[in-house]
Amino acid sequence: MAKKGTRVHVKLRSSESPHVYHTTKNKQTTPQRMEIKKYDPVVRKHVLYKEEK
């Protein structure tokens, strides 16, 4: 049985490599797409990750 609530699973894709993070976000407080700087182990530096559909 699925959980009730507003949290959804999202994929964050790196802007400089094919690396992907998986996380959750609250759809009510953050209706727009996420953009966050995280560490990319492929290029070994911090880069911008954007939410993909």
Protein backbone atom coordinates (compact mmCIF):
# COMPACT_ATOMS: atom_id res chain seq x y z
CA MET A 1 0.00 0.00 0.00
CA ALA A 2 1.37 3.40 -0.97
CA LYS A 3 2.08 6.12 1.56
CA LYS A 4 -0.22 9.11 1.70
CA GLY A 5 1.32 12.55 1.57
CA THR A 6 2.83 15.17 -0.65
CA ARG A 7 6.40 13.87 -0.92
CA VAL A 8 7.43 12.60 -4.36
CA HIS A 9 10.56 10.88 -5.66
CA VAL A 10 12.66 12.94 -8.08
CA LYS A 11 15.82 12.42 -10.12
CA LEU A 12 18.53 15.08 -10.10
CA ARG A 13 20.75 14.92 -13.21
CA SER A 14 24.19 16.52 -13.37
CA SER A 15 24.69 19.36 -15.85
CA GLU A 16 28.20 18.13 -16.73
CA SER A 17 28.00 14.32 -16.73
CA PRO A 18 25.43 11.49 -16.85
CA HIS A 19 25.49 11.06 -13.05
CA VAL A 20 22.08 11.02 -11.27
CA TYR A 21 21.01 11.48 -7.64
CA HIS A 22 17.64 10.17 -6.37
CA THR A 23 15.85 12.08 -3.62
CA THR A 24 12.41 13.18 -2.44
CA LYS A 25 10.80 16.59 -2.21
CA ASN A 26 7.63 18.09 -0.79
CA LYS A 27 5.42 18.98 -3.77
CA GLN A 28 3.37 21.54 -1.79
CA THR A 29 6.26 23.67 -0.56
CA THR A 30 8.40 23.28 -3.72
CA PRO A 31 6.12 23.08 -6.80
CA GLN A 32 8.85 24.27 -9.20
CA ARG A 33 11.74 22.09 -10.35
CA MET A 34 14.73 21.79 -8.03
CA GLU A 35 18.21 23.10 -8.88
CA ILE A 36 20.95 22.41 -6.38
CA LYS A 37 24.75 22.27 -6.34
CA LYS A 38 26.03 18.84 -5.33
CA TYR A 39 29.26 16.88 -5.64
CA ASP A 40 29.64 14.96 -8.91
CA PRO A 41 31.95 11.96 -8.45
CA VAL A 42 32.40 11.55 -12.23
CA VAL A 43 34.03 14.97 -12.78
CA ARG A 44 35.14 15.21 -9.11
CA LYS A 45 33.81 18.70 -8.37
CA HIS A 46 30.61 20.47 -7.33
CA VAL A 47 28.22 21.08 -10.23
CA LEU A 48 24.62 22.11 -10.76
CA TYR A 49 22.03 19.30 -10.60
CA LYS A 50 18.61 19.86 -12.14
CA GLU A 51 15.42 17.91 -11.53
CA GLU A 52 14.22 15.91 -14.49
CA LYS A 53 10.72 14.64 -15.12
